[in-house]
Protein backbone atom coordinates (compact mmCIF):
# COMPACT_ATOMS: atom_id res chain seq x y z
CA MET A 1 -68.13 -0.55 34.00
CA LYS A 2 -69.75 2.89 33.52
CA GLN A 3 -66.42 4.55 34.36
CA GLN A 4 -64.66 2.49 31.68
CA VAL A 5 -67.29 3.47 29.10
CA ARG A 6 -66.96 7.15 30.03
CA LYS A 7 -63.18 6.90 29.83
CA LYS A 8 -63.32 5.30 26.37
CA SER A 9 -65.81 7.95 25.19
CA LEU A 10 -63.57 10.74 26.46
CA ILE A 11 -60.53 9.27 24.72
CA LEU A 12 -62.55 8.95 21.48
CA LEU A 13 -63.72 12.57 21.69
CA LEU A 14 -60.19 13.84 22.36
CA THR A 15 -58.82 11.77 19.48
CA MET A 16 -61.46 13.13 17.10
CA ALA A 17 -60.82 16.70 18.25
CA LEU A 18 -57.07 16.34 17.68
CA PHE A 19 -57.69 14.75 14.29
CA PHE A 20 -59.97 17.50 13.06
CA ALA A 21 -57.66 20.17 14.45
CA PHE A 22 -54.77 18.57 12.56
CA VAL A 23 -56.77 18.27 9.33
CA GLY A 24 -57.99 21.86 9.66
CA ASN A 25 -54.45 23.06 10.18
CA GLN A 26 -53.07 21.04 7.27
CA HIS A 27 -55.72 22.42 4.90
CA ALA A 28 -55.87 25.98 6.20
CA ALA A 29 -54.65 27.24 2.83
CA ALA A 30 -57.67 25.69 1.11
CA SER A 31 -60.16 27.50 3.33
CA PHE A 32 -60.50 30.33 0.79
CA ASP A 33 -61.11 30.31 -2.92
CA LEU A 34 -58.40 32.25 -4.72
CA GLU A 35 -59.69 33.59 -8.03
CA ALA A 36 -56.44 33.81 -9.97
CA GLU A 37 -55.03 31.47 -12.58
CA SER A 38 -51.73 31.30 -10.73
CA ALA A 39 -50.65 32.53 -7.30
CA ILE A 40 -48.00 32.19 -4.64
CA LEU A 41 -47.32 33.47 -1.11
CA VAL A 42 -43.77 33.45 0.22
CA ASP A 43 -42.05 34.38 3.46
CA ALA A 44 -39.57 37.08 2.41
CA GLY A 45 -37.16 36.19 5.19
CA THR A 46 -36.61 32.53 4.41
CA GLY A 47 -38.09 32.00 0.95
CA LYS A 48 -40.52 29.45 2.41
CA ILE A 49 -43.57 28.90 0.19
CA LEU A 50 -46.73 29.26 2.28
CA PHE A 51 -49.38 28.99 -0.44
CA GLN A 52 -49.27 27.94 -4.07
CA LYS A 53 -51.59 27.55 -7.01
CA ASN A 54 -50.27 26.57 -10.46
CA ILE A 55 -46.98 28.29 -9.60
CA ASP A 56 -45.02 26.73 -12.48
CA GLN A 57 -47.50 27.73 -15.19
CA ILE A 58 -45.72 30.18 -17.51
CA LEU A 59 -47.86 33.25 -18.19
CA PRO A 60 -47.38 36.79 -19.56
CA THR A 61 -46.09 39.10 -16.84
CA ALA A 62 -46.95 42.54 -18.30
CA SER A 63 -45.38 45.38 -16.28
CA MET A 64 -44.26 43.05 -13.48
CA THR A 65 -41.38 42.69 -15.94
CA LYS A 66 -40.16 46.07 -14.72
CA MET A 67 -38.94 44.45 -11.49
CA MET A 68 -36.08 43.03 -13.53
CA SER A 69 -35.42 46.43 -15.11
CA GLU A 70 -35.45 47.98 -11.63
CA TYR A 71 -32.99 45.34 -10.45
CA LEU A 72 -30.56 46.22 -13.26
CA ILE A 73 -31.02 49.97 -12.70
CA LEU A 74 -30.27 49.65 -8.99
CA GLU A 75 -27.36 47.34 -9.74
CA ALA A 76 -25.92 49.92 -12.15
CA ILE A 77 -26.28 52.60 -9.46
CA ASN A 78 -24.62 50.36 -6.89
CA ASN A 79 -21.76 49.51 -9.27
CA GLY A 80 -21.20 53.16 -10.19
CA THR A 81 -22.07 52.56 -13.85
CA ILE A 82 -24.62 55.37 -13.62
CA SER A 83 -25.52 57.90 -10.93
CA TRP A 84 -28.82 59.27 -9.65
CA GLU A 85 -28.12 62.83 -10.83
CA GLN A 86 -26.84 61.78 -14.26
CA GLU A 87 -28.81 63.24 -17.17
CA VAL A 88 -30.55 60.75 -19.47
CA PRO A 89 -30.64 61.34 -23.25
CA ILE A 90 -34.08 60.99 -24.83
CA SER A 91 -33.96 59.21 -28.20
CA ASP A 92 -36.47 59.84 -30.99
CA PHE A 93 -38.16 56.50 -30.28
CA VAL A 94 -38.43 57.17 -26.54
CA ARG A 95 -39.87 60.61 -27.26
CA SER A 96 -42.53 59.22 -29.60
CA LEU A 97 -43.43 56.32 -27.31
CA SER A 98 -43.78 58.64 -24.31
CA LEU A 99 -46.62 60.44 -26.12
CA TYR A 100 -48.56 57.20 -26.60
CA ILE A 101 -51.41 58.04 -24.21
CA ASP A 102 -52.96 54.56 -24.27
CA LEU A 103 -49.91 53.28 -22.38
CA SER A 104 -48.71 54.19 -18.92
CA ASN A 105 -46.26 57.03 -19.60
CA VAL A 106 -44.98 60.44 -18.63
CA PRO A 107 -44.28 62.72 -21.63
CA LEU A 108 -40.56 63.09 -22.28
CA ARG A 109 -39.10 66.01 -24.25
CA GLN A 110 -35.81 66.32 -26.08
CA ASP A 111 -35.48 69.99 -25.16
CA ALA A 112 -35.66 69.21 -21.43
CA THR A 113 -33.32 67.35 -19.08
CA TYR A 114 -34.19 64.41 -16.86
CA THR A 115 -32.06 62.68 -14.26
CA VAL A 116 -31.78 58.96 -13.65
CA LYS A 117 -33.63 59.46 -10.36
CA GLN A 118 -36.55 61.26 -12.02
CA LEU A 119 -37.03 58.58 -14.65
CA TYR A 120 -36.52 55.74 -12.14
CA GLU A 121 -39.25 57.22 -9.94
CA SER A 122 -41.60 57.38 -12.93
CA VAL A 123 -40.89 53.69 -13.55
CA ALA A 124 -41.28 52.51 -9.94
CA ILE A 125 -44.32 54.68 -9.10
CA TYR A 126 -46.16 55.13 -12.39
CA SER A 127 -44.85 52.20 -14.47
CA ALA A 128 -43.75 54.65 -17.18
CA ASN A 129 -42.81 52.63 -20.24
CA ALA A 130 -40.82 55.16 -22.26
CA SER A 131 -38.82 56.07 -19.12
CA THR A 132 -37.90 52.41 -18.71
CA ILE A 133 -36.54 52.22 -22.25
CA ALA A 134 -34.61 55.48 -21.81
CA LEU A 135 -32.85 54.01 -18.78
CA ALA A 136 -32.26 50.74 -20.62
CA GLU A 137 -30.59 52.63 -23.46
CA LEU A 138 -28.46 54.59 -20.98
CA ILE A 139 -27.23 51.46 -19.18
CA ALA A 140 -26.74 49.07 -22.10
CA GLY A 141 -26.56 51.33 -25.17
CA SER A 142 -29.75 49.86 -26.63
CA GLU A 143 -32.83 48.04 -25.44
CA THR A 144 -31.66 44.98 -27.38
CA GLU A 145 -28.50 44.78 -25.25
CA PHE A 146 -30.49 45.52 -22.10
CA VAL A 147 -32.81 42.58 -22.81
CA LYS A 148 -29.74 40.34 -23.05
CA MET A 149 -28.73 41.63 -19.61
CA MET A 150 -32.22 40.84 -18.32
CA ASN A 151 -32.07 37.24 -19.49
CA ASP A 152 -28.52 36.82 -18.19
CA LYS A 153 -29.55 38.17 -14.79
CA ALA A 154 -32.60 35.89 -14.75
CA ALA A 155 -30.31 32.89 -15.25
CA GLU A 156 -27.98 34.16 -12.54
CA LEU A 157 -30.89 34.54 -10.11
CA GLY A 158 -32.14 31.04 -10.91
CA LEU A 159 -35.55 32.08 -12.21
CA GLU A 160 -35.75 29.07 -14.59
CA ASP A 161 -39.20 29.75 -16.11
CA TYR A 162 -38.84 33.06 -17.96
CA GLN A 163 -38.56 34.86 -21.28
CA PHE A 164 -37.65 38.54 -21.49
CA VAL A 165 -38.20 40.21 -24.87
CA ASN A 166 -38.32 43.88 -23.82
CA SER A 167 -37.64 46.03 -20.77
CA THR A 168 -41.20 47.20 -20.10
CA GLY A 169 -43.60 44.27 -20.16
CA LEU A 170 -45.57 45.66 -23.09
CA ASN A 171 -46.42 43.38 -25.95
CA ASN A 172 -43.80 43.95 -28.66
CA SER A 173 -46.60 45.03 -30.99
CA ASP A 174 -47.01 48.18 -28.84
CA LEU A 175 -43.43 49.29 -29.48
CA LEU A 176 -44.18 51.04 -32.78
CA GLY A 177 -42.06 48.60 -34.79
CA ASN A 178 -39.01 49.18 -32.56
CA HIS A 179 -38.99 45.91 -30.61
CA PRO A 180 -35.56 44.57 -29.62
CA ASP A 181 -33.58 42.66 -32.24
CA GLY A 182 -34.00 38.91 -32.09
CA THR A 183 -37.54 39.07 -30.70
CA GLY A 184 -40.86 38.63 -32.52
CA GLU A 185 -43.12 41.54 -33.36
CA SER A 186 -45.89 40.18 -31.09
CA ASP A 187 -43.74 38.52 -28.39
CA GLU A 188 -44.47 39.15 -24.73
CA ASN A 189 -42.46 38.72 -21.55
CA MET A 190 -43.24 35.45 -19.76
CA MET A 191 -42.64 34.05 -16.28
CA SER A 192 -44.19 31.59 -13.86
CA ALA A 193 -45.50 32.78 -10.49
CA ARG A 194 -42.56 30.95 -8.87
CA ALA A 195 -40.05 32.77 -11.09
CA THR A 196 -41.81 36.11 -10.48
CA ALA A 197 -41.64 35.52 -6.73
CA LYS A 198 -37.94 34.66 -7.02
CA LEU A 199 -37.36 37.95 -8.85
CA ALA A 200 -39.24 39.94 -6.20
CA PHE A 201 -37.44 38.03 -3.42
CA SER A 202 -34.03 38.80 -4.99
CA LEU A 203 -34.90 42.45 -5.64
CA ILE A 204 -35.98 43.10 -2.04
CA ARG A 205 -33.05 41.11 -0.64
CA ASP A 206 -30.34 42.75 -2.76
CA TYR A 207 -31.82 46.26 -3.08
CA PRO A 208 -34.29 46.85 -0.24
CA GLU A 209 -34.26 50.55 -1.11
CA VAL A 210 -36.60 49.67 -3.97
CA LEU A 211 -39.44 49.80 -1.43
CA GLU A 212 -38.67 53.42 -0.56
CA THR A 213 -39.81 54.43 -4.05
CA ALA A 214 -42.38 51.68 -4.68
CA SER A 215 -44.28 52.79 -1.57
CA ILE A 216 -44.75 56.43 -2.71
CA PRO A 217 -48.50 56.87 -3.38
CA THR A 218 -48.31 59.99 -5.56
CA LYS A 219 -45.60 62.29 -6.86
CA THR A 220 -45.33 65.14 -9.37
CA PHE A 221 -43.17 64.58 -12.44
CA GLU A 222 -41.58 67.67 -13.97
CA ALA A 223 -41.95 66.92 -17.68
CA GLY A 224 -40.82 70.36 -18.76
CA PRO A 225 -41.37 74.08 -18.17
CA ASP A 226 -44.92 74.51 -16.85
CA GLU A 227 -45.62 70.83 -17.63
CA GLN A 228 -46.28 68.80 -14.52
CA ILE A 229 -47.69 65.27 -14.41
CA GLU A 230 -49.25 63.89 -11.24
CA MET A 231 -48.10 60.29 -10.96
CA ARG A 232 -50.53 58.10 -9.04
CA ASN A 233 -49.17 54.72 -7.99
CA TRP A 234 -50.94 51.79 -9.65
CA ASN A 235 -50.61 49.82 -6.41
CA TRP A 236 -53.98 50.64 -4.85
CA MET A 237 -53.15 48.72 -1.67
CA LEU A 238 -50.87 51.57 -0.57
CA SER A 239 -52.22 54.00 1.98
CA GLY A 240 -53.60 57.12 0.32
CA ILE A 241 -54.59 55.58 -3.02
CA GLU A 242 -57.90 53.68 -2.99
CA GLU A 243 -59.37 53.34 0.49
CA GLN A 244 -61.26 50.16 -0.38
CA HIS A 245 -57.95 48.38 -1.10
CA ASN A 246 -55.65 49.95 1.52
CA TYR A 247 -53.86 47.21 3.42
CA GLU A 248 -51.75 47.73 6.53
CA GLY A 249 -48.08 47.02 5.89
CA VAL A 250 -48.13 47.05 2.06
CA ASP A 251 -45.15 48.94 0.61
CA GLY A 252 -44.73 47.45 -2.87
CA LEU A 253 -44.21 46.16 -5.41
CA LYS A 254 -45.45 46.01 -9.05
CA THR A 255 -48.70 45.76 -10.96
CA GLY A 256 -49.15 44.57 -14.53
CA TYR A 257 -51.72 44.46 -17.30
CA THR A 258 -51.86 43.53 -20.96
CA ALA A 259 -54.63 41.88 -22.92
CA ALA A 260 -52.73 38.57 -22.84
CA ALA A 261 -51.61 38.82 -19.21
CA GLY A 262 -54.84 40.07 -17.74
CA ASN A 263 -54.49 41.82 -14.40
CA ALA A 264 -51.50 40.75 -12.30
CA PHE A 265 -49.79 41.99 -9.16
CA THR A 266 -46.66 41.26 -7.17
CA GLY A 267 -47.23 42.58 -3.68
CA THR A 268 -45.27 42.73 -0.44
CA ALA A 269 -46.34 43.62 3.08
CA GLU A 270 -44.63 43.70 6.47
CA ARG A 271 -46.09 43.57 9.96
CA ASP A 272 -44.25 43.05 13.25
CA GLY A 273 -41.04 42.07 11.49
CA MET A 274 -42.69 39.45 9.27
CA ARG A 275 -42.70 40.22 5.52
CA PHE A 276 -44.58 38.33 2.82
CA ILE A 277 -44.26 38.41 -0.97
CA SER A 278 -47.30 37.52 -3.07
CA VAL A 279 -47.92 37.05 -6.78
CA VAL A 280 -51.33 36.77 -8.45
CA MET A 281 -51.58 36.28 -12.22
CA ARG A 282 -54.58 36.54 -14.56
CA THR A 283 -57.20 37.89 -12.22
CA ALA A 284 -60.52 39.18 -13.56
CA SER A 285 -60.02 42.93 -13.07
CA ARG A 286 -57.85 45.66 -11.56
CA ASP A 287 -59.82 45.42 -8.34
CA ALA A 288 -59.63 41.62 -8.30
CA ARG A 289 -55.83 41.54 -8.30
CA PHE A 290 -55.87 43.46 -5.01
CA ASP A 291 -58.82 41.51 -3.57
CA GLU A 292 -57.02 38.22 -4.19
CA THR A 293 -53.76 39.59 -2.81
CA GLU A 294 -55.63 40.64 0.33
CA LYS A 295 -56.80 37.05 0.76
CA LEU A 296 -53.20 35.83 0.58
CA PHE A 297 -51.94 38.41 3.07
CA ASP A 298 -54.85 37.76 5.44
CA TYR A 299 -54.01 34.06 5.35
CA GLY A 300 -50.33 34.75 5.94
CA PHE A 301 -50.68 37.16 8.84
CA SER A 302 -53.45 35.19 10.57
CA SER A 303 -52.05 31.68 10.12
CA PHE A 304 -48.29 32.09 10.53
CA THR A 305 -46.01 33.40 13.26
CA HIS A 306 -42.34 34.31 13.12
CA MET A 307 -40.81 32.36 16.00
CA GLU A 308 -37.39 32.06 17.57
CA MET A 309 -37.03 28.30 17.94
CA VAL A 310 -33.75 28.40 19.93
CA GLY A 311 -31.57 31.27 21.14
CA ASP A 312 -27.92 31.87 20.35
CA GLY A 313 -25.44 29.71 22.24
CA TYR A 314 -27.59 26.59 21.77
CA ILE A 315 -26.40 23.08 20.94
CA PRO A 316 -28.42 19.84 21.25
CA GLU A 317 -27.81 18.11 24.56
CA GLY A 318 -24.77 15.84 24.60
CA GLN A 319 -23.13 17.52 21.62
CA GLU A 320 -21.66 20.57 23.37
CA LEU A 321 -18.01 19.45 23.09
CA LEU A 322 -15.94 18.70 20.02
CA PRO A 323 -12.69 16.65 20.35
CA VAL A 324 -9.42 18.42 19.54
CA HIS A 325 -6.35 16.50 18.41
CA GLY A 326 -2.96 17.86 19.35
CA GLY A 327 -4.26 20.68 21.53
CA LYS A 328 -3.48 21.81 25.07
CA GLU A 329 -7.10 20.90 25.80
CA LYS A 330 -8.59 17.68 24.53
CA ASP A 331 -11.88 19.26 23.49
CA VAL A 332 -13.55 22.60 22.85
CA SER A 333 -17.09 23.78 23.50
CA ILE A 334 -19.23 24.78 20.53
CA ALA A 335 -22.44 26.81 20.27
CA SER A 336 -24.76 28.43 17.73
CA ALA A 337 -23.67 31.94 16.80
CA ALA A 338 -27.19 33.41 16.50
CA PRO A 339 -30.80 32.60 17.32
CA LEU A 340 -32.53 30.18 14.96
CA SER A 341 -35.92 31.42 13.76
CA THR A 342 -38.54 30.47 11.21
CA VAL A 343 -42.09 31.20 10.14
CA VAL A 344 -44.39 28.58 11.66
CA LEU A 345 -47.94 27.59 10.78
CA ASN A 346 -49.84 28.17 14.00
CA GLY A 347 -50.05 24.96 16.03
CA GLU A 348 -47.01 23.32 14.41
CA GLU A 349 -44.35 24.61 16.78
CA GLU A 350 -43.60 21.13 18.15
CA LEU A 351 -42.91 19.74 14.68
CA TYR A 352 -39.55 21.52 14.48
CA SER A 353 -36.32 20.34 16.08
CA PRO A 354 -32.78 21.82 15.87
CA VAL A 355 -30.18 19.51 14.34
CA LEU A 356 -26.39 19.94 14.53
CA GLU A 357 -24.55 19.36 11.27
CA LEU A 358 -20.75 19.38 11.57
CA ASP A 359 -18.50 20.24 8.63
CA GLN A 360 -16.81 16.89 8.06
CA ASN A 361 -14.11 18.52 5.92
CA GLN A 362 -12.73 20.15 9.08
CA LEU A 363 -12.53 16.94 11.11
CA ASN A 364 -9.92 14.18 10.99
CA GLU A 365 -10.75 10.49 10.59
CA ASP A 366 -11.49 10.29 14.32
CA GLY A 367 -13.99 13.15 14.15
CA ALA A 368 -11.71 15.67 15.88
CA LEU A 369 -10.49 19.16 15.02
CA GLU A 370 -6.76 19.61 14.54
CA ALA A 371 -5.10 22.12 16.88
CA PRO A 372 -4.60 25.04 16.91
CA VAL A 373 -8.25 26.16 16.92
CA GLU A 374 -9.33 29.80 16.99
CA ALA A 375 -12.26 31.07 19.04
CA GLY A 376 -15.27 31.82 16.86
CA HIS A 377 -14.20 29.37 14.16
CA GLN A 378 -17.21 27.93 12.30
CA VAL A 379 -17.36 24.15 12.54
CA GLY A 380 -20.85 23.52 11.19
CA THR A 381 -24.45 24.67 11.21
CA LEU A 382 -27.55 24.33 13.33
CA ALA A 383 -30.57 23.70 11.11
CA LEU A 384 -34.28 23.13 11.68
CA GLN A 385 -35.77 19.76 10.90
CA TYR A 386 -39.50 19.73 10.10
CA ASP A 387 -41.45 16.57 10.91
CA GLY A 388 -44.83 17.50 9.43
CA GLU A 389 -46.84 15.37 7.02
CA GLN A 390 -45.95 17.50 3.99
CA GLU A 391 -42.38 18.50 3.25
CA GLU A 392 -41.71 22.24 3.44
CA GLU A 393 -40.95 23.92 0.11
CA PHE A 394 -38.76 26.94 -0.54
CA LEU A 395 -38.27 29.19 -3.57
CA TYR A 396 -34.74 27.84 -3.94
CA ALA A 397 -33.81 24.21 -3.29
CA ASP A 398 -30.83 25.14 -1.09
CA GLN A 399 -32.81 27.52 1.13
CA ARG A 400 -33.47 26.51 4.74
CA GLU A 401 -33.32 28.01 8.20
CA GLU A 402 -29.82 27.59 9.64
CA VAL A 403 -27.19 29.45 11.65
CA ALA A 404 -23.46 28.98 12.08
CA VAL A 405 -22.04 26.84 14.88
CA ILE A 406 -18.73 28.17 16.20
CA THR A 407 -16.08 27.31 18.77
CA SER A 408 -16.53 29.09 22.10
CA ALA A 409 -12.82 29.26 22.95
CA ALA A 410 -9.39 28.97 21.40
CA VAL A 411 -7.25 25.85 21.77
CA GLU A 412 -3.49 26.20 21.37
CA ARG A 413 -1.40 23.39 19.98
CA ALA A 414 0.20 21.31 22.71
CA GLY A 415 4.02 21.29 23.09
CA TRP A 416 6.19 18.23 22.56
CA PHE A 417 6.44 17.55 26.32
CA THR A 418 2.67 17.47 26.75
CA MET A 419 2.27 15.24 23.72
CA SER A 420 5.03 12.93 25.01
CA MET A 421 3.44 12.63 28.44
CA ARG A 422 0.09 11.85 26.82
CA ALA A 423 1.74 9.13 24.75
CA ILE A 424 3.42 7.67 27.84
CA GLY A 425 0.19 7.89 29.78
CA GLY A 426 -1.60 6.18 26.95
CA PHE A 427 1.02 3.42 26.87
CA PHE A 428 0.80 2.66 30.60
CA SER A 429 -2.96 2.92 30.48
CA GLY A 430 -2.93 0.25 27.79
CA VAL A 431 -0.56 -1.94 29.82
CA TRP A 432 -2.69 -1.56 32.96
CA ASN A 433 -5.90 -2.36 31.10
CA GLY A 434 -4.25 -5.43 29.56
CA ALA A 435 -3.03 -6.62 32.98
CA ALA A 436 -6.46 -6.06 34.48
CA ASP A 437 -8.03 -8.13 31.74
CA MET A 438 -5.50 -10.92 32.38
CA VAL A 439 -6.24 -10.91 36.11
CA LYS A 440 -9.94 -11.10 35.36
CA GLY A 441 -9.18 -14.14 33.20
CA TRP A 442 -7.54 -15.88 36.17
CA PHE A 443 -10.65 -15.61 38.22
């Protein structure tokens, strides 16, 4: 009797321990108080959302806007529309705006020459507003046309919640009456945290070289003869800026501030091959935007692990062969072409399972490939299925962890003799089976 009581007590204790461990794991993200109006943490490899707070609330973005300008600048470089060493004309408006000392700027002269690279560095490192407009005018002919490009690119990248009214992130009222045509004199750029994260995700994915410049802590800008400006990166989480905010692995991306936006920051950090993207919007101060980002990164690096769930050459048991119709061989082996990895919340490894999904468009009505079949031909995908309580969410609806499934060998089409013999064999097999069934009926 005592043994039964002890056994029941032990089972109860184990059940409670597992329950509280599960609850603690499920609510790990709520274990810290994030003091930002809106925030998001994303795995940069997969687009998986790891933390969210009011991520669809549309707020002013301030200079985080410049990530879109940087995207279009790097795209123009990549397309050959402009080149790094190309000289950039300085318009009267750009000249006057560059002397506006209340804004982040480097002074630009019309009797000096500046290259695309010089101005781009002043944008990416120092958030120079006049430099941004000068590059916008170079690429599109005017800032008005550049803003149209920004909104078109936003639609192309699927940002959804956005409004671009200028290239810099300033309030239009700061543009000395020269705001882009079709925008209001006090309009401001707007995005949700989700849209901002999508922009950062796309920028790093398509132009990873952006981090080479965004990670520079300080650099001298040659404004003119005997006129040098020391540009100090506004991202204080970079090594060599503000020791109290230095964070291992941070190499970008963009700060922002206006009276309407408050203090905002899109950050990114990488450790041991795992990169996160964070966005915090409307924090209380310059320091707070980095303090809150640190909380997000601490949560990410301490709570998640990048794991290889299955290696290359894997297929679920019993699904290793795919039938082939009209081939010298009747089937062909298939396998995953690469390892399948994901970012996993610690303790949830067993909640993932690999699932084979064949491309039905490549199979006949009997579920077979038609010969001939080439080696390495993709026939489907291997994806991860998550069986947790809450469905995983990604930046884009079609994002998920998957790898190609390919044929391991080639299968030539069978000749007429082989096909004839198979038909004959099939005929006699049918006759024999029919006769066997008849004999069984006799007995």
